[in-house]
Amino acid sequence: MGLLSEAQIQDQLGKLNGWKLEGKEIGKRYQFKDFARAMGFVNSVALVAEGMDHHPDIDIRWNKVKLSLSTHSAGGLTEKDFKLAAMIDDLLG
């Protein structure tokens, strides 16, 4: 899977809601009512990510979850990152 160009990255970001370019990865922050809901979301993300064999970096702070995506084996962003980002957002409707 090849790295995306800057123009391709910007095009893909335009199709997502709230994801931001952060160096060589994209990231998004989520906030939930409480810790249990945050963990439920993280568990759902884990199932989707495992199914794709593509795993985000996850930072959990009580009711806040930060996800970061990049294709480490490619050294940056690929289509796989944007596909997973869209699938994650679909979890919340």
PDB file of N, CA and C in Angstrom:
ATOM      1  N   MET A   1       0.842  -1.170   0.000  1.00  0.00           N
ATOM      2  CA  MET A   1       0.000   0.000   0.000  1.00  0.00           C
ATOM      3  C   MET A   1       0.889   1.235   0.000  1.00  0.00           C
ATOM      4  N   GLY A   2       0.707   2.098  -1.001  1.00  0.00           N
ATOM      5  CA  GLY A   2       1.593   3.231  -1.163  1.00  0.00           C
ATOM      6  C   GLY A   2       1.190   4.446  -0.346  1.00  0.00           C
ATOM      7  N   LEU A   3       2.197   5.257  -0.044  1.00  0.00           N
ATOM      8  CA  LEU A   3       1.949   6.506   0.668  1.00  0.00           C
ATOM      9  C   LEU A   3       1.127   7.456  -0.184  1.00  0.00           C
ATOM     10  N   LEU A   4       0.284   8.224   0.469  1.00  0.00           N
ATOM     11  CA  LEU A   4      -0.525   9.217  -0.222  1.00  0.00           C
ATOM     12  C   LEU A   4       0.245  10.529  -0.339  1.00  0.00           C
ATOM     13  N   SER A   5      -0.016  11.260  -1.411  1.00  0.00           N
ATOM     14  CA  SER A   5       0.583  12.587  -1.583  1.00  0.00           C
ATOM     15  C   SER A   5      -0.137  13.579  -0.673  1.00  0.00           C
ATOM     16  N   GLU A   6       0.428  14.751  -0.505  1.00  0.00           N
ATOM     17  CA  GLU A   6      -0.207  15.789   0.316  1.00  0.00           C
ATOM     18  C   GLU A   6      -1.599  16.133  -0.217  1.00  0.00           C
ATOM     19  N   ALA A   7      -1.720  16.222  -1.538  1.00  0.00           N
ATOM     20  CA  ALA A   7      -3.027  16.530  -2.146  1.00  0.00           C
ATOM     21  C   ALA A   7      -4.026  15.413  -1.872  1.00  0.00           C
ATOM     22  N   GLN A   8      -3.593  14.171  -1.968  1.00  0.00           N
ATOM     23  CA  GLN A   8      -4.481  13.043  -1.689  1.00  0.00           C
ATOM     24  C   GLN A   8      -4.901  13.031  -0.217  1.00  0.00           C
ATOM     25  N   ILE A   9      -3.970  13.365   0.665  1.00  0.00           N
ATOM     26  CA  ILE A   9      -4.277  13.410   2.102  1.00  0.00           C
ATOM     27  C   ILE A   9      -5.337  14.477   2.370  1.00  0.00           C
ATOM     28  N   GLN A  10      -5.148  15.660   1.802  1.00  0.00           N
ATOM     29  CA  GLN A  10      -6.116  16.744   2.006  1.00  0.00           C
ATOM     30  C   GLN A  10      -7.483  16.367   1.435  1.00  0.00           C
ATOM     31  N   ASP A  11      -7.486  15.713   0.289  1.00  0.00           N
ATOM     32  CA  ASP A  11      -8.746  15.258  -0.315  1.00  0.00           C
ATOM     33  C   ASP A  11      -9.450  14.273   0.608  1.00  0.00           C
ATOM     34  N   GLN A  12      -8.709  13.314   1.138  1.00  0.00           N
ATOM     35  CA  GLN A  12      -9.294  12.308   2.036  1.00  0.00           C
ATOM     36  C   GLN A  12      -9.770  12.932   3.349  1.00  0.00           C
ATOM     37  N   LEU A  13      -9.002  13.890   3.885  1.00  0.00           N
ATOM     38  CA  LEU A  13      -9.421  14.562   5.116  1.00  0.00           C
ATOM     39  C   LEU A  13     -10.740  15.295   4.919  1.00  0.00           C
ATOM     40  N   GLY A  14     -10.951  15.830   3.725  1.00  0.00           N
ATOM     41  CA  GLY A  14     -12.187  16.537   3.420  1.00  0.00           C
ATOM     42  C   GLY A  14     -13.407  15.636   3.456  1.00  0.00           C
ATOM     43  N   LYS A  15     -13.207  14.343   3.371  1.00  0.00           N
ATOM     44  CA  LYS A  15     -14.303  13.375   3.400  1.00  0.00           C
ATOM     45  C   LYS A  15     -14.620  12.900   4.820  1.00  0.00           C
ATOM     46  N   LEU A  16     -13.772  13.279   5.783  1.00  0.00           N
ATOM     47  CA  LEU A  16     -13.935  12.843   7.165  1.00  0.00           C
ATOM     48  C   LEU A  16     -14.384  14.019   8.025  1.00  0.00           C
ATOM     49  N   ASN A  17     -14.977  13.707   9.150  1.00  0.00           N
ATOM     50  CA  ASN A  17     -15.452  14.735  10.064  1.00  0.00           C
ATOM     51  C   ASN A  17     -14.580  14.783  11.319  1.00  0.00           C
ATOM     52  N   GLY A  18     -13.809  15.860  11.464  1.00  0.00           N
ATOM     53  CA  GLY A  18     -13.062  16.067  12.704  1.00  0.00           C
ATOM     54  C   GLY A  18     -11.669  15.476  12.763  1.00  0.00           C
ATOM     55  N   TRP A  19     -11.263  14.710  11.759  1.00  0.00           N
ATOM     56  CA  TRP A  19      -9.916  14.154  11.738  1.00  0.00           C
ATOM     57  C   TRP A  19      -8.945  15.230  11.276  1.00  0.00           C
ATOM     58  N   LYS A  20      -7.774  15.283  11.898  1.00  0.00           N
ATOM     59  CA  LYS A  20      -6.784  16.307  11.571  1.00  0.00           C
ATOM     60  C   LYS A  20      -5.431  15.674  11.283  1.00  0.00           C
ATOM     61  N   LEU A  21      -4.708  16.311  10.377  1.00  0.00           N
ATOM     62  CA  LEU A  21      -3.352  15.873  10.067  1.00  0.00           C
ATOM     63  C   LEU A  21      -2.436  16.298  11.204  1.00  0.00           C
ATOM     64  N   GLU A  22      -1.682  15.351  11.719  1.00  0.00           N
ATOM     65  CA  GLU A  22      -0.748  15.598  12.824  1.00  0.00           C
ATOM     66  C   GLU A  22       0.575  14.941  12.458  1.00  0.00           C
ATOM     67  N   GLY A  23       1.401  15.671  11.726  1.00  0.00           N
ATOM     68  CA  GLY A  23       2.664  15.102  11.260  1.00  0.00           C
ATOM     69  C   GLY A  23       2.405  14.066  10.186  1.00  0.00           C
ATOM     70  N   LYS A  24       2.845  12.831  10.430  1.00  0.00           N
ATOM     71  CA  LYS A  24       2.669  11.746   9.464  1.00  0.00           C
ATOM     72  C   LYS A  24       1.499  10.841   9.830  1.00  0.00           C
ATOM     73  N   GLU A  25       0.551  11.381  10.605  1.00  0.00           N
ATOM     74  CA  GLU A  25      -0.616  10.607  10.984  1.00  0.00           C
ATOM     75  C   GLU A  25      -1.841  11.510  11.025  1.00  0.00           C
ATOM     76  N   ILE A  26      -3.004  10.879  11.121  1.00  0.00           N
ATOM     77  CA  ILE A  26      -4.237  11.627  11.332  1.00  0.00           C
ATOM     78  C   ILE A  26      -4.763  11.271  12.710  1.00  0.00           C
ATOM     79  N   GLY A  27      -5.411  12.232  13.344  1.00  0.00           N
ATOM     80  CA  GLY A  27      -5.908  11.999  14.685  1.00  0.00           C
ATOM     81  C   GLY A  27      -7.257  12.638  14.913  1.00  0.00           C
ATOM     82  N   LYS A  28      -7.949  12.103  15.909  1.00  0.00           N
ATOM     83  CA  LYS A  28      -9.244  12.649  16.302  1.00  0.00           C
ATOM     84  C   LYS A  28      -9.457  12.385  17.781  1.00  0.00           C
ATOM     85  N   ARG A  29     -10.104  13.347  18.430  1.00  0.00           N
ATOM     86  CA  ARG A  29     -10.442  13.220  19.843  1.00  0.00           C
ATOM     87  C   ARG A  29     -11.954  13.037  19.990  1.00  0.00           C
ATOM     88  N   TYR A  30     -12.329  12.161  20.902  1.00  0.00           N
ATOM     89  CA  TYR A  30     -13.729  11.884  21.196  1.00  0.00           C
ATOM     90  C   TYR A  30     -13.944  12.091  22.689  1.00  0.00           C
ATOM     91  N   GLN A  31     -15.139  12.550  23.055  1.00  0.00           N
ATOM     92  CA  GLN A  31     -15.480  12.693  24.460  1.00  0.00           C
ATOM     93  C   GLN A  31     -16.827  12.023  24.709  1.00  0.00           C
ATOM     94  N   PHE A  32     -16.901  11.298  25.817  1.00  0.00           N
ATOM     95  CA  PHE A  32     -18.091  10.531  26.155  1.00  0.00           C
ATOM     96  C   PHE A  32     -18.620  10.950  27.520  1.00  0.00           C
ATOM     97  N   LYS A  33     -19.801  10.461  27.862  1.00  0.00           N
ATOM     98  CA  LYS A  33     -20.437  10.821  29.129  1.00  0.00           C
ATOM     99  C   LYS A  33     -19.615  10.342  30.327  1.00  0.00           C
ATOM    100  N   ASP A  34     -19.001   9.161  30.199  1.00  0.00           N
ATOM    101  CA  ASP A  34     -18.257   8.607  31.321  1.00  0.00           C
ATOM    102  C   ASP A  34     -17.218   7.589  30.818  1.00  0.00           C
ATOM    103  N   PHE A  35     -16.479   7.048  31.750  1.00  0.00           N
ATOM    104  CA  PHE A  35     -15.406   6.099  31.432  1.00  0.00           C
ATOM    105  C   PHE A  35     -15.936   4.836  30.761  1.00  0.00           C
ATOM    106  N   ALA A  36     -17.057   4.331  31.256  1.00  0.00           N
ATOM    107  CA  ALA A  36     -17.615   3.086  30.701  1.00  0.00           C
ATOM    108  C   ALA A  36     -17.966   3.253  29.224  1.00  0.00           C
ATOM    109  N   ARG A  37     -18.545   4.390  28.862  1.00  0.00           N
ATOM    110  CA  ARG A  37     -18.888   4.626  27.452  1.00  0.00           C
ATOM    111  C   ARG A  37     -17.634   4.809  26.604  1.00  0.00           C
ATOM    112  N   ALA A  38     -16.643   5.466  27.167  1.00  0.00           N
ATOM    113  CA  ALA A  38     -15.372   5.623  26.440  1.00  0.00           C
ATOM    114  C   ALA A  38     -14.752   4.250  26.167  1.00  0.00           C
ATOM    115  N   MET A  39     -14.773   3.382  27.168  1.00  0.00           N
ATOM    116  CA  MET A  39     -14.196   2.051  26.998  1.00  0.00           C
ATOM    117  C   MET A  39     -15.025   1.200  26.038  1.00  0.00           C
ATOM    118  N   GLY A  40     -16.324   1.366  26.057  1.00  0.00           N
ATOM    119  CA  GLY A  40     -17.165   0.650  25.098  1.00  0.00           C
ATOM    120  C   GLY A  40     -16.811   1.040  23.675  1.00  0.00           C
ATOM    121  N   PHE A  41     -16.592   2.337  23.448  1.00  0.00           N
ATOM    122  CA  PHE A  41     -16.185   2.816  22.139  1.00  0.00           C
ATOM    123  C   PHE A  41     -14.833   2.223  21.751  1.00  0.00           C
ATOM    124  N   VAL A  42     -13.879   2.246  22.670  1.00  0.00           N
ATOM    125  CA  VAL A  42     -12.545   1.699  22.390  1.00  0.00           C
ATOM    126  C   VAL A  42     -12.634   0.210  22.054  1.00  0.00           C
ATOM    127  N   ASN A  43     -13.462  -0.528  22.756  1.00  0.00           N
ATOM    128  CA  ASN A  43     -13.624  -1.952  22.450  1.00  0.00           C
ATOM    129  C   ASN A  43     -14.214  -2.154  21.058  1.00  0.00           C
ATOM    130  N   SER A  44     -15.157  -1.303  20.670  1.00  0.00           N
ATOM    131  CA  SER A  44     -15.720  -1.381  19.322  1.00  0.00           C
ATOM    132  C   SER A  44     -14.661  -1.061  18.270  1.00  0.00           C
ATOM    133  N   VAL A  45     -13.848  -0.038  18.539  1.00  0.00           N
ATOM    134  CA  VAL A  45     -12.751   0.317  17.632  1.00  0.00           C
ATOM    135  C   VAL A  45     -11.797  -0.864  17.501  1.00  0.00           C
ATOM    136  N   ALA A  46     -11.508  -1.524  18.607  1.00  0.00           N
ATOM    137  CA  ALA A  46     -10.588  -2.660  18.586  1.00  0.00           C
ATOM    138  C   ALA A  46     -11.088  -3.771  17.669  1.00  0.00           C
ATOM    139  N   LEU A  47     -12.383  -4.053  17.701  1.00  0.00           N
ATOM    140  CA  LEU A  47     -12.938  -5.103  16.849  1.00  0.00           C
ATOM    141  C   LEU A  47     -12.830  -4.739  15.368  1.00  0.00           C
ATOM    142  N   VAL A  48     -13.146  -3.495  15.033  1.00  0.00           N
ATOM    143  CA  VAL A  48     -13.039  -3.042  13.639  1.00  0.00           C
ATOM    144  C   VAL A  48     -11.580  -3.073  13.183  1.00  0.00           C
ATOM    145  N   ALA A  49     -10.698  -2.555  14.028  1.00  0.00           N
ATOM    146  CA  ALA A  49      -9.280  -2.493  13.681  1.00  0.00           C
ATOM    147  C   ALA A  49      -8.690  -3.897  13.506  1.00  0.00           C
ATOM    148  N   GLU A  50      -9.060  -4.799  14.383  1.00  0.00           N
ATOM    149  CA  GLU A  50      -8.549  -6.170  14.286  1.00  0.00           C
ATOM    150  C   GLU A  50      -9.019  -6.818  12.992  1.00  0.00           C
ATOM    151  N   GLY A  51     -10.272  -6.546  12.617  1.00  0.00           N
ATOM    152  CA  GLY A  51     -10.798  -7.088  11.369  1.00  0.00           C
ATOM    153  C   GLY A  51     -10.045  -6.583  10.146  1.00  0.00           C
ATOM    154  N   MET A  52      -9.502  -5.375  10.229  1.00  0.00           N
ATOM    155  CA  MET A  52      -8.716  -4.806   9.130  1.00  0.00           C
ATOM    156  C   MET A  52      -7.230  -5.132   9.254  1.00  0.00           C
ATOM    157  N   ASP A  53      -6.831  -5.688  10.393  1.00  0.00           N
ATOM    158  CA  ASP A  53      -5.414  -5.889  10.708  1.00  0.00           C
ATOM    159  C   ASP A  53      -4.653  -4.562  10.577  1.00  0.00           C
ATOM    160  N   HIS A  54      -5.271  -3.516  11.124  1.00  0.00           N
ATOM    161  CA  HIS A  54      -4.705  -2.166  11.091  1.00  0.00           C
ATOM    162  C   HIS A  54      -5.093  -1.490  12.400  1.00  0.00           C
ATOM    163  N   HIS A  55      -4.121  -1.173  13.228  1.00  0.00           N
ATOM    164  CA  HIS A  55      -4.410  -0.812  14.607  1.00  0.00           C
ATOM    165  C   HIS A  55      -4.016   0.631  14.922  1.00  0.00           C
ATOM    166  N   PRO A  56      -4.958   1.412  15.460  1.00  0.00           N
ATOM    167  CA  PRO A  56      -4.650   2.797  15.825  1.00  0.00           C
ATOM    168  C   PRO A  56      -3.877   2.871  17.133  1.00  0.00           C
ATOM    169  N   ASP A  57      -3.206   3.994  17.333  1.00  0.00           N
ATOM    170  CA  ASP A  57      -2.684   4.313  18.656  1.00  0.00           C
ATOM    171  C   ASP A  57      -3.860   4.906  19.416  1.00  0.00           C
ATOM    172  N   ILE A  58      -4.050   4.463  20.657  1.00  0.00           N
ATOM    173  CA  ILE A  58      -5.204   4.878  21.443  1.00  0.00           C
ATOM    174  C   ILE A  58      -4.731   5.431  22.780  1.00  0.00           C
ATOM    175  N   ASP A  59      -5.215   6.632  23.105  1.00  0.00           N
ATOM    176  CA  ASP A  59      -4.927   7.255  24.396  1.00  0.00           C
ATOM    177  C   ASP A  59      -6.272   7.488  25.086  1.00  0.00           C
ATOM    178  N   ILE A  60      -6.426   6.910  26.284  1.00  0.00           N
ATOM    179  CA  ILE A  60      -7.678   7.015  27.024  1.00  0.00           C
ATOM    180  C   ILE A  60      -7.423   7.813  28.300  1.00  0.00           C
ATOM    181  N   ARG A  61      -8.213   8.858  28.496  1.00  0.00           N
ATOM    182  CA  ARG A  61      -8.152   9.688  29.704  1.00  0.00           C
ATOM    183  C   ARG A  61      -9.564   9.830  30.246  1.00  0.00           C
ATOM    184  N   TRP A  62      -9.956   8.963  31.129  1.00  0.00           N
ATOM    185  CA  TRP A  62     -11.283   8.872  31.717  1.00  0.00           C
ATOM    186  C   TRP A  62     -12.356   8.844  30.639  1.00  0.00           C
ATOM    187  N   ASN A  63     -12.984   9.980  30.284  1.00  0.00           N
ATOM    188  CA  ASN A  63     -14.056   9.962  29.292  1.00  0.00           C
ATOM    189  C   ASN A  63     -13.597  10.482  27.929  1.00  0.00           C
ATOM    190  N   LYS A  64     -12.303  10.685  27.767  1.00  0.00           N
ATOM    191  CA  LYS A  64     -11.750  11.197  26.510  1.00  0.00           C
ATOM    192  C   LYS A  64     -10.888  10.125  25.842  1.00  0.00           C
ATOM    193  N   VAL A  65     -11.065   9.996  24.534  1.00  0.00           N
ATOM    194  CA  VAL A  65     -10.301   9.023  23.752  1.00  0.00           C
ATOM    195  C   VAL A  65      -9.671   9.757  22.580  1.00  0.00           C
ATOM    196  N   LYS A  66      -8.369   9.572  22.400  1.00  0.00           N
ATOM    197  CA  LYS A  66      -7.684  10.128  21.238  1.00  0.00           C
ATOM    198  C   LYS A  66      -7.179   8.965  20.401  1.00  0.00           C
ATOM    199  N   LEU A  67      -7.517   8.992  19.118  1.00  0.00           N
ATOM    200  CA  LEU A  67      -7.064   7.963  18.182  1.00  0.00           C
ATOM    201  C   LEU A  67      -6.094   8.592  17.198  1.00  0.00           C
ATOM    202  N   SER A  68      -5.043   7.883  16.874  1.00  0.00           N
ATOM    203  CA  SER A  68      -4.083   8.311  15.866  1.00  0.00           C
ATOM    204  C   SER A  68      -3.875   7.157  14.897  1.00  0.00           C
ATOM    205  N   LEU A  69      -3.876   7.487  13.608  1.00  0.00           N
ATOM    206  CA  LEU A  69      -3.717   6.474  12.562  1.00  0.00           C
ATOM    207  C   LEU A  69      -2.572   6.825  11.632  1.00  0.00           C
ATOM    208  N   SER A  70      -1.782   5.846  11.321  1.00  0.00           N
ATOM    209  CA  SER A  70      -0.789   5.904  10.247  1.00  0.00           C
ATOM    210  C   SER A  70      -0.406   4.466   9.922  1.00  0.00           C
ATOM    211  N   THR A  71       0.140   4.295   8.749  1.00  0.00           N
ATOM    212  CA  THR A  71       0.584   2.960   8.354  1.00  0.00           C
ATOM    213  C   THR A  71       2.082   2.899   8.626  1.00  0.00           C
ATOM    214  N   HIS A  72       2.422   2.382   9.794  1.00  0.00           N
ATOM    215  CA  HIS A  72       3.821   2.393  10.231  1.00  0.00           C
ATOM    216  C   HIS A  72       4.739   1.668   9.246  1.00  0.00           C
ATOM    217  N   SER A  73       4.252   0.571   8.677  1.00  0.00           N
ATOM    218  CA  SER A  73       5.087  -0.199   7.747  1.00  0.00           C
ATOM    219  C   SER A  73       5.389   0.585   6.473  1.00  0.00           C
ATOM    220  N   ALA A  74       4.532   1.562   6.131  1.00  0.00           N
ATOM    221  CA  ALA A  74       4.752   2.380   4.933  1.00  0.00           C
ATOM    222  C   ALA A  74       5.438   3.701   5.272  1.00  0.00           C
ATOM    223  N   GLY A  75       5.501   4.035   6.557  1.00  0.00           N
ATOM    224  CA  GLY A  75       6.156   5.264   6.972  1.00  0.00           C
ATOM    225  C   GLY A  75       5.299   6.511   6.836  1.00  0.00           C
ATOM    226  N   GLY A  76       3.974   6.353   6.858  1.00  0.00           N
ATOM    227  CA  GLY A  76       3.101   7.516   6.740  1.00  0.00           C
ATOM    228  C   GLY A  76       1.672   7.093   6.479  1.00  0.00           C
ATOM    229  N   LEU A  77       0.946   7.950   5.774  1.00  0.00           N
ATOM    230  CA  LEU A  77      -0.482   7.731   5.551  1.00  0.00           C
ATOM    231  C   LEU A  77      -0.763   7.019   4.237  1.00  0.00           C
ATOM    232  N   THR A  78      -1.664   6.040   4.315  1.00  0.00           N
ATOM    233  CA  THR A  78      -2.119   5.303   3.145  1.00  0.00           C
ATOM    234  C   THR A  78      -3.646   5.303   3.141  1.00  0.00           C
ATOM    235  N   GLU A  79      -4.221   4.768   2.082  1.00  0.00           N
ATOM    236  CA  GLU A  79      -5.683   4.677   1.991  1.00  0.00           C
ATOM    237  C   GLU A  79      -6.261   3.891   3.158  1.00  0.00           C
ATOM    238  N   LYS A  80      -5.500   2.946   3.666  1.00  0.00           N
ATOM    239  CA  LYS A  80      -5.972   2.107   4.772  1.00  0.00           C
ATOM    240  C   LYS A  80      -6.316   2.952   6.005  1.00  0.00           C
ATOM    241  N   ASP A  81      -5.535   4.010   6.251  1.00  0.00           N
ATOM    242  CA  ASP A  81      -5.787   4.867   7.408  1.00  0.00           C
ATOM    243  C   ASP A  81      -7.123   5.587   7.286  1.00  0.00           C
ATOM    244  N   PHE A  82      -7.412   6.084   6.099  1.00  0.00           N
ATOM    245  CA  PHE A  82      -8.649   6.825   5.891  1.00  0.00           C
ATOM    246  C   PHE A  82      -9.863   5.896   5.873  1.00  0.00           C
ATOM    247  N   LYS A  83      -9.670   4.687   5.394  1.00  0.00           N
ATOM    248  CA  LYS A  83     -10.758   3.705   5.425  1.00  0.00           C
ATOM    249  C   LYS A  83     -11.103   3.359   6.870  1.00  0.00           C
ATOM    250  N   LEU A  84     -10.087   3.132   7.697  1.00  0.00           N
ATOM    251  CA  LEU A  84     -10.342   2.814   9.097  1.00  0.00           C
ATOM    252  C   LEU A  84     -10.961   4.011   9.818  1.00  0.00           C
ATOM    253  N   ALA A  85     -10.497   5.215   9.537  1.00  0.00           N
ATOM    254  CA  ALA A  85     -11.073   6.411  10.167  1.00  0.00           C
ATOM    255  C   ALA A  85     -12.571   6.503   9.873  1.00  0.00           C
ATOM    256  N   ALA A  86     -12.953   6.278   8.630  1.00  0.00           N
ATOM    257  CA  ALA A  86     -14.367   6.334   8.258  1.00  0.00           C
ATOM    258  C   ALA A  86     -15.158   5.238   8.964  1.00  0.00           C
ATOM    259  N   MET A  87     -14.592   4.059   9.074  1.00  0.00           N
ATOM    260  CA  MET A  87     -15.268   2.961   9.761  1.00  0.00           C
ATOM    261  C   MET A  87     -15.437   3.259  11.250  1.00  0.00           C
ATOM    262  N   ILE A  88     -14.448   3.896  11.848  1.00  0.00           N
ATOM    263  CA  ILE A  88     -14.537   4.273  13.260  1.00  0.00           C
ATOM    264  C   ILE A  88     -15.662   5.278  13.456  1.00  0.00           C
ATOM    265  N   ASP A  89     -15.719   6.286  12.586  1.00  0.00           N
ATOM    266  CA  ASP A  89     -16.778   7.279  12.706  1.00  0.00           C
ATOM    267  C   ASP A  89     -18.159   6.658  12.509  1.00  0.00           C
ATOM    268  N   ASP A  90     -18.256   5.643  11.664  1.00  0.00           N
ATOM    269  CA  ASP A  90     -19.532   4.959  11.457  1.00  0.00           C
ATOM    270  C   ASP A  90     -20.030   4.259  12.731  1.00  0.00           C
ATOM    271  N   LEU A  91     -19.111   3.941  13.632  1.00  0.00           N
ATOM    272  CA  LEU A  91     -19.511   3.293  14.891  1.00  0.00           C
ATOM    273  C   LEU A  91     -20.428   4.191  15.703  1.00  0.00           C
ATOM    274  N   LEU A  92     -20.258   5.495  15.554  1.00  0.00           N
ATOM    275  CA  LEU A  92     -21.043   6.449  16.341  1.00  0.00           C
ATOM    276  C   LEU A  92     -22.266   6.964  15.602  1.00  0.00           C
ATOM    277  N   GLY A  93     -22.446   6.490  14.363  1.00  0.00           N
ATOM    278  CA  GLY A  93     -23.606   6.871  13.580  1.00  0.00           C
ATOM    279  C   GLY A  93     -23.412   8.154  12.929  1.00  0.00           C
TER     280      GLY A  93
END
